[in-house]
Protein backbone atom coordinates (compact mmCIF):
# COMPACT_ATOMS: atom_id res chain seq x y z
CA MET A 1 17.53 17.03 -23.62
CA SER A 2 21.26 15.86 -22.22
CA LEU A 3 21.26 12.01 -20.63
CA ARG A 4 22.16 13.77 -17.49
CA LYS A 5 18.68 15.96 -17.36
CA LYS A 6 16.75 13.03 -18.90
CA THR A 7 18.37 10.56 -16.34
CA LEU A 8 17.44 12.74 -12.99
CA SER A 9 14.00 13.63 -14.61
CA GLY A 10 13.52 9.82 -15.21
CA ILE A 11 14.23 8.92 -11.58
CA ALA A 12 12.01 11.54 -10.42
CA TRP A 13 9.40 10.05 -12.28
CA THR A 14 9.70 6.76 -12.08
CA PHE A 15 10.32 7.37 -8.19
CA GLY A 16 7.20 9.37 -7.83
CA GLN A 17 5.59 6.72 -9.59
CA GLN A 18 7.21 3.75 -7.03
CA VAL A 19 5.98 5.66 -3.52
CA GLY A 20 2.64 6.05 -5.34
CA VAL A 21 1.90 2.43 -6.63
CA GLN A 22 3.88 1.07 -3.51
CA GLY A 23 2.10 3.37 -1.40
CA ILE A 24 -1.39 2.24 -2.60
CA ASN A 25 -0.25 -1.26 -2.33
CA PHE A 26 1.24 -0.85 1.19
CA ILE A 27 -1.93 0.42 2.57
CA VAL A 28 -4.23 -1.74 0.91
CA GLN A 29 -2.22 -4.60 2.06
CA ILE A 30 -2.56 -3.53 5.53
CA ILE A 31 -6.30 -3.29 5.35
CA LEU A 32 -6.23 -7.05 3.43
CA ALA A 33 -3.90 -8.43 6.24
CA ARG A 34 -6.54 -7.26 8.69
CA LEU A 35 -9.72 -8.21 6.77
CA LEU A 36 -8.51 -11.63 5.44
CA LEU A 37 -6.62 -14.58 7.12
CA PRO A 38 -2.70 -15.77 6.69
CA SER A 39 -3.99 -18.49 4.89
CA ASP A 40 -5.44 -16.74 2.08
CA PHE A 41 -2.12 -14.92 1.21
CA GLY A 42 -0.85 -18.41 1.57
CA LEU A 43 -2.92 -19.71 -1.33
CA ILE A 44 -2.18 -16.94 -3.41
CA ALA A 45 1.88 -17.49 -2.65
CA MET A 46 1.43 -21.25 -3.82
CA ILE A 47 0.71 -20.56 -7.32
CA GLN A 48 3.48 -17.37 -7.56
CA ILE A 49 5.91 -19.69 -9.11
CA PHE A 50 3.55 -20.87 -12.04
CA LEU A 51 2.70 -16.83 -12.49
CA ALA A 52 6.02 -15.94 -12.57
CA ILE A 53 7.42 -18.59 -14.86
CA GLY A 54 4.26 -17.39 -17.32
CA LYS A 55 5.47 -13.79 -17.16
CA THR A 56 8.81 -14.89 -17.83
CA LEU A 57 8.32 -17.39 -20.66
CA MET A 58 5.54 -14.61 -22.24
CA ASP A 59 8.09 -12.19 -22.44
CA SER A 60 11.15 -14.48 -23.93
CA GLY A 61 13.38 -11.31 -22.94
CA MET A 62 12.32 -9.53 -26.28
CA THR A 63 11.33 -6.76 -24.62
CA SER A 64 14.82 -6.08 -22.75
CA SER A 65 16.13 -6.54 -26.48
CA LEU A 66 13.95 -3.53 -27.76
CA ILE A 67 15.37 -1.30 -25.10
CA ARG A 68 18.97 -1.71 -26.12
CA THR A 69 18.21 -1.84 -29.87
CA GLU A 70 19.32 1.71 -31.07
CA ASN A 71 17.12 2.01 -34.23
CA ALA A 72 14.02 -0.10 -33.14
CA ASP A 73 10.97 0.27 -35.89
CA GLN A 74 7.66 -0.98 -36.64
CA ARG A 75 8.50 -4.52 -37.48
CA ASP A 76 10.51 -4.75 -34.36
CA TYR A 77 7.70 -3.55 -32.06
CA SER A 78 5.10 -5.34 -34.20
CA THR A 79 6.76 -8.69 -34.30
CA VAL A 80 7.31 -8.63 -30.34
CA PHE A 81 4.13 -7.77 -29.81
CA PHE A 82 2.43 -10.73 -31.15
CA ILE A 83 5.01 -13.29 -30.43
CA ASN A 84 4.32 -12.31 -26.80
CA LEU A 85 0.39 -12.30 -27.49
CA PHE A 86 0.36 -15.78 -28.71
CA ALA A 87 2.63 -17.01 -25.77
CA SER A 88 0.51 -15.75 -23.46
CA ILE A 89 -2.47 -17.21 -25.16
CA GLY A 90 -0.67 -20.77 -24.90
CA LEU A 91 0.62 -20.27 -21.34
CA TYR A 92 -2.60 -19.52 -20.23
CA LEU A 93 -3.98 -22.50 -22.04
CA LEU A 94 -1.31 -24.81 -20.44
CA LEU A 95 -1.88 -23.60 -17.16
CA PHE A 96 -5.72 -23.96 -17.36
CA PHE A 97 -5.62 -27.66 -18.11
CA THR A 98 -3.06 -28.29 -15.71
CA ALA A 99 -4.09 -26.60 -12.87
CA PRO A 100 -6.14 -29.44 -11.09
CA LEU A 101 -2.38 -31.11 -11.13
CA ILE A 102 -0.92 -27.97 -9.32
CA ALA A 103 -3.93 -28.10 -6.67
CA SER A 104 -3.28 -31.91 -6.28
CA PHE A 105 0.33 -31.07 -5.58
CA PHE A 106 -0.28 -28.61 -2.89
CA ASN A 107 -3.24 -30.61 -1.31
CA GLN A 108 -5.67 -27.42 -1.46
CA GLU A 109 -8.54 -28.37 -4.29
CA LEU A 110 -9.70 -24.53 -4.31
CA LEU A 111 -6.24 -23.66 -6.25
CA THR A 112 -7.97 -25.09 -9.68
CA LEU A 113 -10.51 -22.26 -10.14
CA ILE A 114 -7.71 -19.89 -8.63
CA ILE A 115 -5.11 -20.29 -11.36
CA ARG A 116 -7.60 -20.52 -14.00
CA VAL A 117 -8.90 -16.93 -13.26
CA TYR A 118 -5.96 -15.35 -12.06
CA THR A 119 -3.95 -16.17 -14.92
CA LEU A 120 -5.97 -14.56 -17.37
CA SER A 121 -3.48 -11.73 -16.37
CA PHE A 122 -0.92 -13.05 -18.68
CA VAL A 123 -3.05 -12.38 -21.73
CA ILE A 124 -3.81 -8.50 -20.32
CA GLN A 125 -0.76 -8.03 -19.67
CA ALA A 126 0.86 -8.62 -22.90
CA LEU A 127 -1.72 -6.53 -24.47
CA VAL A 128 0.39 -3.99 -23.15
CA GLY A 129 3.98 -5.25 -23.06
CA VAL A 130 5.47 -3.74 -26.02
CA GLN A 131 3.63 -0.02 -25.32
CA THR A 132 5.41 0.03 -21.88
CA THR A 133 8.28 -0.88 -23.36
CA ARG A 134 8.15 1.97 -26.14
CA LEU A 135 7.69 4.54 -22.48
CA THR A 136 10.79 3.29 -21.09
CA LYS A 137 13.22 3.21 -24.11
CA GLU A 138 11.93 6.69 -24.71
CA MET A 139 12.48 7.13 -20.72
CA ASN A 140 8.85 8.83 -20.51
CA PHE A 141 8.16 7.79 -17.21
CA LYS A 142 5.77 10.78 -16.34
CA LEU A 143 2.97 8.93 -18.39
CA GLN A 144 3.67 5.42 -16.88
CA MET A 145 3.28 7.09 -13.68
CA TYR A 146 -0.28 8.56 -14.73
CA MET A 147 -1.38 5.13 -15.51
CA GLN A 148 -0.08 3.17 -12.72
CA ILE A 149 -1.31 4.92 -10.03
CA PRO A 150 -4.86 5.31 -11.09
CA SER A 151 -4.74 1.47 -11.79
CA THR A 152 -3.36 0.49 -8.84
CA LEU A 153 -6.19 2.35 -6.61
CA CYS A 154 -8.77 1.06 -8.61
CA GLY A 155 -7.72 -2.35 -7.97
CA GLY A 156 -6.86 -1.76 -4.36
CA ILE A 157 -10.29 -0.25 -4.08
CA ALA A 158 -12.06 -3.09 -5.30
CA GLY A 159 -9.69 -5.59 -3.65
CA VAL A 160 -10.61 -3.93 -0.02
CA ILE A 161 -14.62 -3.64 -0.98
CA LEU A 162 -14.55 -7.62 -1.65
CA ALA A 163 -12.66 -8.65 1.30
CA TYR A 164 -15.06 -6.36 3.45
CA LYS A 165 -17.60 -8.37 1.97
CA GLY A 166 -16.40 -11.79 2.98
CA TYR A 167 -14.89 -12.88 -0.40
CA GLY A 168 -11.51 -14.36 1.26
CA VAL A 169 -8.98 -15.18 -1.29
CA TRP A 170 -10.95 -13.83 -3.98
CA SER A 171 -10.66 -10.72 -3.11
CA LEU A 172 -6.78 -10.73 -4.12
CA VAL A 173 -7.41 -12.54 -7.23
CA TRP A 174 -9.87 -9.96 -8.84
CA MET A 175 -7.75 -7.18 -7.46
CA GLN A 176 -5.07 -8.37 -9.58
CA LEU A 177 -7.16 -8.55 -12.52
CA ILE A 178 -8.74 -5.27 -12.24
CA THR A 179 -5.73 -3.57 -11.95
CA THR A 180 -4.21 -5.09 -15.10
CA THR A 181 -6.85 -4.54 -16.96
CA ILE A 182 -7.41 -0.70 -16.24
CA PHE A 183 -3.52 -0.47 -17.05
CA MET A 184 -3.87 -2.02 -20.37
CA VAL A 185 -6.90 -0.04 -21.51
CA GLN A 186 -5.37 3.12 -20.40
CA HIS A 187 -2.28 2.34 -22.71
CA TRP A 188 -4.77 1.41 -25.73
CA LEU A 189 -6.58 4.89 -25.32
CA ARG A 190 -3.94 7.38 -24.74
CA LEU A 191 -1.00 5.87 -27.01
CA LYS A 192 -1.25 6.35 -30.56
CA TRP A 193 1.16 3.39 -31.21
CA ARG A 194 -0.81 0.46 -32.88
CA PRO A 195 1.08 -3.28 -33.92
CA SER A 196 1.12 -3.81 -37.61
CA LEU A 197 0.24 -7.21 -38.84
CA ILE A 198 3.49 -8.37 -39.13
CA ILE A 199 5.80 -11.01 -37.93
CA ASP A 200 9.23 -10.44 -39.24
CA ARG A 201 11.72 -13.76 -38.80
CA GLN A 202 14.48 -11.90 -38.93
CA LYS A 203 13.53 -9.50 -36.22
CA MET A 204 12.07 -12.40 -34.09
CA LYS A 205 15.42 -14.30 -34.74
CA HIS A 206 17.42 -10.85 -33.83
CA HIS A 207 15.39 -10.25 -30.87
CA LEU A 208 15.60 -14.07 -29.14
CA SER A 209 19.07 -14.67 -30.00
CA PHE A 210 19.62 -11.79 -27.29
CA GLY A 211 16.18 -12.63 -24.94
CA TYR A 212 16.26 -16.36 -24.76
CA LYS A 213 19.27 -16.07 -22.47
CA ILE A 214 17.80 -13.45 -20.26
CA THR A 215 14.48 -15.71 -20.41
CA LEU A 216 17.02 -18.90 -19.03
CA SER A 217 18.31 -16.20 -16.52
CA ALA A 218 14.99 -15.20 -15.54
CA LEU A 219 13.57 -18.92 -15.13
CA LEU A 220 16.61 -20.12 -12.84
CA THR A 221 15.90 -16.66 -10.71
CA THR A 222 12.49 -17.78 -10.41
CA PHE A 223 12.78 -21.04 -9.66
CA TYR A 224 15.39 -20.12 -6.75
CA TYR A 225 13.43 -16.95 -5.38
CA GLU A 226 9.60 -19.52 -5.67
CA SER A 227 11.61 -22.82 -4.29
CA ASN A 228 11.34 -21.75 -0.70
CA THR A 229 7.59 -21.16 -1.17
CA ILE A 230 6.96 -24.23 -3.01
CA LEU A 231 8.63 -25.87 0.00
CA LEU A 232 6.79 -24.04 2.93
CA GLY A 233 3.66 -24.46 0.95
CA LYS A 234 4.53 -28.54 0.38
CA PHE A 235 6.00 -29.40 3.86
CA PHE A 236 4.20 -26.63 6.05
CA SER A 237 0.96 -24.89 6.39
CA SER A 238 -0.95 -22.47 4.33
CA ALA A 239 -0.48 -19.96 7.62
CA GLN A 240 3.14 -20.57 7.65
CA LEU A 241 3.66 -19.85 4.46
CA GLY A 242 1.26 -16.88 4.64
CA PHE A 243 3.61 -15.79 7.38
CA TYR A 244 6.85 -15.86 5.66
CA LYS A 245 5.15 -14.27 2.26
CA GLN A 246 4.06 -11.02 4.18
CA ALA A 247 7.04 -10.63 6.11
CA SER A 248 9.07 -10.95 2.62
CA ASN A 249 6.93 -8.65 0.82
CA LEU A 250 6.88 -5.90 3.38
CA ARG A 251 10.68 -5.47 3.65
CA MET A 252 10.30 -5.30 -0.11
CA PHE A 253 8.29 -2.28 0.19
CA PRO A 254 11.48 0.32 0.46
CA LEU A 255 13.44 -1.57 -1.74
CA ARG A 256 10.77 -1.67 -4.39
CA ASN A 257 10.47 2.02 -4.35
CA ILE A 258 13.79 2.95 -4.32
CA THR A 259 15.58 0.12 -6.12
CA SER A 260 12.92 -0.50 -8.73
CA ALA A 261 12.91 3.32 -9.83
CA LEU A 262 16.60 3.34 -10.15
CA GLN A 263 16.76 -0.13 -11.98
CA LYS A 264 14.00 0.74 -14.76
CA VAL A 265 15.91 4.07 -15.31
CA THR A 266 19.50 2.92 -15.00
CA TYR A 267 19.06 0.32 -17.60
CA PRO A 268 18.17 2.32 -21.10
CA MET A 269 20.40 4.85 -19.49
CA PHE A 270 23.12 2.34 -19.18
CA SER A 271 22.41 1.01 -22.90
CA SER A 272 23.09 4.60 -24.31
CA ILE A 273 26.33 4.71 -22.89
CA GLN A 274 27.48 0.85 -23.36
CA ASN A 275 30.58 1.58 -24.59
CA GLU A 276 31.84 4.82 -22.45
CA ASN A 277 33.29 2.76 -19.28
CA GLU A 278 34.56 5.47 -17.72
CA LYS A 279 31.16 7.38 -17.76
CA ILE A 280 29.50 4.11 -16.56
CA ARG A 281 31.79 3.78 -13.88
CA THR A 282 31.63 7.36 -12.60
CA ILE A 283 27.75 7.39 -12.64
CA PHE A 284 27.24 3.53 -11.15
CA LYS A 285 29.72 5.13 -8.21
CA ARG A 286 27.42 7.92 -7.32
CA ILE A 287 23.95 5.92 -7.70
CA THR A 288 25.06 3.26 -5.82
CA SER A 289 26.32 5.64 -2.72
CA VAL A 290 22.83 7.40 -2.74
CA VAL A 291 20.88 4.74 -2.68
CA PHE A 292 23.09 2.82 0.18
CA PHE A 293 23.46 5.78 2.40
CA VAL A 294 19.49 5.91 1.96
CA MET A 295 18.62 2.44 1.86
CA VAL A 296 21.09 1.13 4.77
CA PRO A 297 18.99 3.31 7.83
CA ILE A 298 15.48 2.63 6.53
CA MET A 299 16.28 -1.48 6.60
CA LEU A 300 18.63 -1.54 9.47
CA LEU A 301 15.42 0.83 11.50
CA MET A 302 12.93 -1.32 10.24
CA THR A 303 14.73 -4.35 12.07
CA LEU A 304 14.56 -2.38 14.90
CA VAL A 305 11.31 -1.79 15.13
CA ALA A 306 9.60 -4.72 13.52
CA GLU A 307 7.84 -5.94 16.92
CA PRO A 308 5.73 -2.75 17.47
CA LEU A 309 5.33 -2.12 14.07
CA PHE A 310 3.80 -5.32 13.26
CA ARG A 311 1.41 -4.89 16.19
CA ILE A 312 0.19 -1.56 15.01
CA VAL A 313 0.13 -1.95 11.14
CA LEU A 314 -1.03 -5.96 11.03
CA THR A 315 -2.29 -6.96 14.96
CA ASP A 316 -0.95 -9.66 16.95
CA LYS A 317 -2.08 -12.51 14.39
CA TRP A 318 0.90 -11.20 12.24
CA LEU A 319 3.59 -11.24 15.00
CA PRO A 320 4.92 -14.99 13.49
CA SER A 321 6.39 -12.90 10.83
CA VAL A 322 8.34 -10.40 13.15
CA PRO A 323 11.62 -12.72 13.25
CA ILE A 324 11.56 -13.65 9.45
CA PHE A 325 11.16 -10.17 8.41
CA GLN A 326 13.83 -9.04 10.77
CA ILE A 327 16.25 -11.54 9.13
CA LEU A 328 15.25 -10.72 5.31
CA CYS A 329 15.79 -6.68 5.91
CA VAL A 330 19.26 -7.06 7.40
CA PHE A 331 20.34 -9.00 4.59
CA SER A 332 18.51 -6.93 2.08
CA ILE A 333 20.86 -4.17 2.11
CA PHE A 334 23.12 -5.88 -0.60
CA TYR A 335 19.40 -6.08 -2.79
CA PRO A 336 20.61 -2.60 -4.29
CA LEU A 337 24.17 -3.44 -5.41
CA SER A 338 23.15 -7.09 -6.77
CA MET A 339 20.76 -5.46 -9.31
CA TYR A 340 22.29 -2.48 -10.21
CA ASN A 341 25.47 -4.49 -11.18
CA LEU A 342 23.23 -6.96 -13.45
CA ASN A 343 21.74 -4.15 -15.38
CA LEU A 344 25.32 -3.00 -16.05
CA ILE A 345 25.93 -6.62 -17.77
CA LEU A 346 22.45 -6.43 -20.07
CA ALA A 347 23.46 -3.02 -20.81
CA LYS A 348 26.63 -4.58 -21.92
CA GLY A 349 24.97 -6.56 -24.09
CA ARG A 350 26.20 -9.69 -22.38
CA SER A 351 23.07 -11.72 -22.02
CA ASP A 352 25.41 -14.76 -22.22
CA LEU A 353 27.54 -13.84 -19.09
CA HIS A 354 24.11 -12.96 -17.32
CA PHE A 355 22.86 -16.51 -17.75
CA LYS A 356 26.38 -17.90 -16.57
CA LEU A 357 25.99 -16.03 -13.78
CA GLU A 358 22.42 -16.91 -12.77
CA VAL A 359 23.47 -21.10 -12.64
CA ILE A 360 26.57 -20.27 -10.71
CA LYS A 361 24.49 -17.87 -7.87
CA LYS A 362 21.46 -20.03 -8.03
CA GLY A 363 23.11 -23.52 -7.71
CA ILE A 364 24.94 -22.13 -4.82
CA SER A 365 22.21 -20.76 -3.15
CA ILE A 366 19.72 -23.84 -3.74
CA CYS A 367 22.73 -25.48 -1.87
CA PHE A 368 22.02 -23.46 1.39
CA LEU A 369 18.34 -23.55 1.18
CA LEU A 370 18.16 -27.47 1.06
CA LEU A 371 20.80 -27.50 4.04
CA ILE A 372 18.93 -24.91 6.47
CA ILE A 373 15.34 -25.95 5.31
CA PRO A 374 15.01 -28.52 8.11
CA PHE A 375 15.19 -25.84 10.46
CA GLY A 376 12.07 -24.55 9.48
CA VAL A 377 10.74 -21.11 8.06
CA HIS A 378 13.44 -19.22 9.68
CA GLY A 379 15.85 -21.49 8.32
CA VAL A 380 14.43 -20.52 5.05
CA ALA A 381 14.53 -16.97 5.85
CA TYR A 382 18.37 -17.36 6.37
CA ALA A 383 18.89 -19.11 3.33
CA ALA A 384 17.19 -16.48 0.96
CA GLY A 385 19.50 -13.92 3.06
CA ILE A 386 22.25 -15.24 2.37
CA GLY A 387 21.38 -15.79 -1.57
CA MET A 388 20.75 -12.08 -1.59
CA LEU A 389 24.81 -11.93 -0.38
CA ILE A 390 25.93 -14.04 -2.87
CA HIS A 391 24.12 -12.53 -5.43
CA ALA A 392 25.60 -9.24 -4.59
CA PHE A 393 28.96 -10.44 -4.43
CA VAL A 394 28.86 -12.58 -8.00
CA ASN A 395 26.99 -10.10 -9.82
CA SER A 396 29.51 -7.39 -8.48
CA LEU A 397 32.77 -9.72 -9.41
CA TYR A 398 31.96 -10.08 -13.34
CA SER A 399 30.28 -6.66 -14.01
CA GLY A 400 32.91 -4.98 -12.36
CA ARG A 401 35.33 -6.62 -14.72
CA LEU A 402 33.55 -4.98 -17.69
CA ILE A 403 33.71 -1.41 -16.25
CA GLN A 404 37.38 -1.88 -14.48
CA TYR A 405 35.24 -1.57 -11.02
CA PRO A 406 36.49 -4.83 -9.02
CA VAL A 407 34.22 -6.25 -6.49
CA LEU A 408 36.49 -5.52 -3.72
CA GLU A 409 36.84 -1.50 -4.75
CA GLN A 410 32.76 -1.78 -4.94
CA PHE A 411 32.27 -2.95 -1.10
CA LYS A 412 35.13 -0.72 0.15
CA ASP A 413 33.07 2.14 -1.45
CA ILE A 414 29.95 0.93 0.78
CA SER A 415 31.62 -0.10 3.57
CA ASN A 416 31.98 3.41 5.56
CA ILE A 417 27.95 3.26 4.93
CA LEU A 418 27.69 -0.06 6.44
CA ILE A 419 29.66 0.47 9.42
CA ILE A 420 28.18 3.79 10.42
CA GLY A 421 24.51 1.85 10.01
CA PHE A 422 25.06 -1.20 12.09
CA PHE A 423 27.21 0.89 14.31
CA SER A 424 24.10 3.24 14.94
CA MET A 425 22.10 0.17 14.95
CA GLY A 426 24.16 -1.29 17.95
CA ILE A 427 23.61 1.42 20.13
CA THR A 428 20.02 2.23 19.47
CA PHE A 429 19.29 -1.81 20.28
CA VAL A 430 21.41 -1.18 23.62
CA PHE A 431 19.48 1.97 24.33
CA ASN A 432 16.18 0.70 23.63
CA LYS A 433 16.60 -2.71 25.82
CA LEU A 434 17.93 -0.80 28.62
CA PHE A 435 15.60 2.27 28.71
CA ILE A 436 12.49 1.92 26.62
CA ILE A 437 11.43 -1.70 26.73
CA PRO A 438 11.46 -1.78 30.56
CA SER A 439 9.56 1.53 31.13
CA ASP A 440 6.63 -0.30 29.29
CA TYR A 441 5.76 2.51 26.88
CA GLY A 442 3.26 2.06 24.11
CA ASP A 443 4.08 0.59 20.70
CA ILE A 444 3.85 3.97 18.56
CA PHE A 445 6.13 5.95 21.36
CA ILE A 446 8.62 2.82 21.37
CA ILE A 447 9.05 3.31 17.04
CA LEU A 448 9.24 7.18 17.62
CA ILE A 449 12.09 7.29 20.13
CA VAL A 450 13.50 4.33 18.58
CA SER A 451 13.59 6.13 14.90
CA LEU A 452 14.76 9.49 16.40
CA VAL A 453 17.54 7.87 18.38
CA PHE A 454 18.67 6.15 15.51
CA ILE A 455 18.19 8.55 12.94
CA ILE A 456 20.30 11.09 14.91
CA LEU A 457 23.36 8.66 15.60
CA TYR A 458 23.36 7.92 11.65
CA ILE A 459 23.26 11.47 10.42
CA SER A 460 25.44 12.74 12.65
CA ILE A 461 28.26 10.23 12.36
CA SER A 462 27.91 10.56 8.52
CA PHE A 463 28.46 14.13 8.75
CA LEU A 464 31.29 13.53 10.98
CA PHE A 465 33.61 11.20 8.74
CA ARG A 466 31.93 13.40 5.39
CA VAL A 467 30.16 10.59 3.99
CA THR A 468 30.43 11.54 0.12
CA ALA A 469 26.57 10.42 -0.52
CA ILE A 470 25.57 13.29 1.64
CA ASN A 471 26.98 15.67 -1.46
CA GLU A 472 24.92 13.48 -3.85
CA ILE A 473 22.05 13.96 -2.26
CA LYS A 474 22.27 17.79 -1.84
CA VAL A 475 23.02 18.17 -5.76
CA LEU A 476 19.52 15.86 -6.33
CA ILE A 477 17.97 17.98 -4.42
CA LYS A 478 18.93 21.49 -5.58
CA HIS A 479 18.26 19.96 -9.08
CA PHE A 480 14.78 19.05 -8.32
CA MET A 481 14.04 22.48 -6.19
CA ASN A 482 15.32 24.35 -9.09
CA LYS A 483 13.36 22.59 -11.55
CA ALA A 484 10.01 22.88 -9.14
């Protein structure tokens, strides 16, 4: 199969996986948000930084190294498997014994037991990391989808049942453990690969030399993204932290479905053509134009209908999340540009540059966070938004130099979509304020009318100015219809 067909097929199956998994998660989160309290979500949010750090240290960036290693063999895979497994056991024991200290820091005694149970997922995930990497390297996203969706569905059903029966925060804990366990078991049942009892020191050194820089970068990223959680958890109530995390998680729903699906495909794809700059540049332009054409209206439309959407989906008790959600949605527009540029840097084998950029980006962003934190939860949201903009600019600047695609040219290529999106949003906002809200229509009607007006404006203006992304989308639709 050609690289183009492999990529298009990978996008289709990965997108299907993302839509299926995130769709199930979205429905489950809605049900759980109705059954549980904001403080329950806040408790889980307090330990997210430790879960993220543990996952990063456990992997050590070696699975990324496996993907970009052209002739990885059994010794490579087995070495990484056992290193990850031993690291996961060590991290679990570390968190098991330090759990009381973490609980004391947040002044939440219940966190001790939550951490000791929840972090069992480290060991479970380590048992499946290399198998998933092999499938990704082979761009076999179809099988990954077939395993991920039932795992997520079973875990979600278990979480909802437990929440309905009054288990509170524990429904979130067991939902995670059940999901990861079923996912792991399926890999061992459905895949033929098994690790050999090998830890090759040369192979370990090779993968660590690339992976440790990614690990350091990932740790910086984790500390940055979870620093707001630490500050909110320490200085504000668990309920306020719950409002922030719910807003953040919901705005990530469309981002994960599109950005993560393409990111998962583009990394092995870019790695396979890492020395062909012109080819990378052409593919990169086409991908970003399509993603922005789709993502801009989605994020801006969610900003417009945020309040009635929250009332319908999550009920009035979650309305304090609305302003946070709106702030994050607007800035999240630049998230895909940031991630794809970062993929290019890794595909080029520049894990050293990756780490350097993380230091620069996180340093600047944390300064903004510390300056804005006195303004409360909304201040943290603005700091997170500004951080996303900084990340997009810095990543584009340096990756652009690697493939001769300057940052200004990258922003210029997406500027027409941004202008059309914000113009359509402004007209729709005025229309809503003048004609819809004063008429006191129901929330569902408001969402439908506002969405219809915005979409008609956005698509009509895009056709009028002949946005190139429309032609790319036509090609993709034609390809998938022919395959069907």
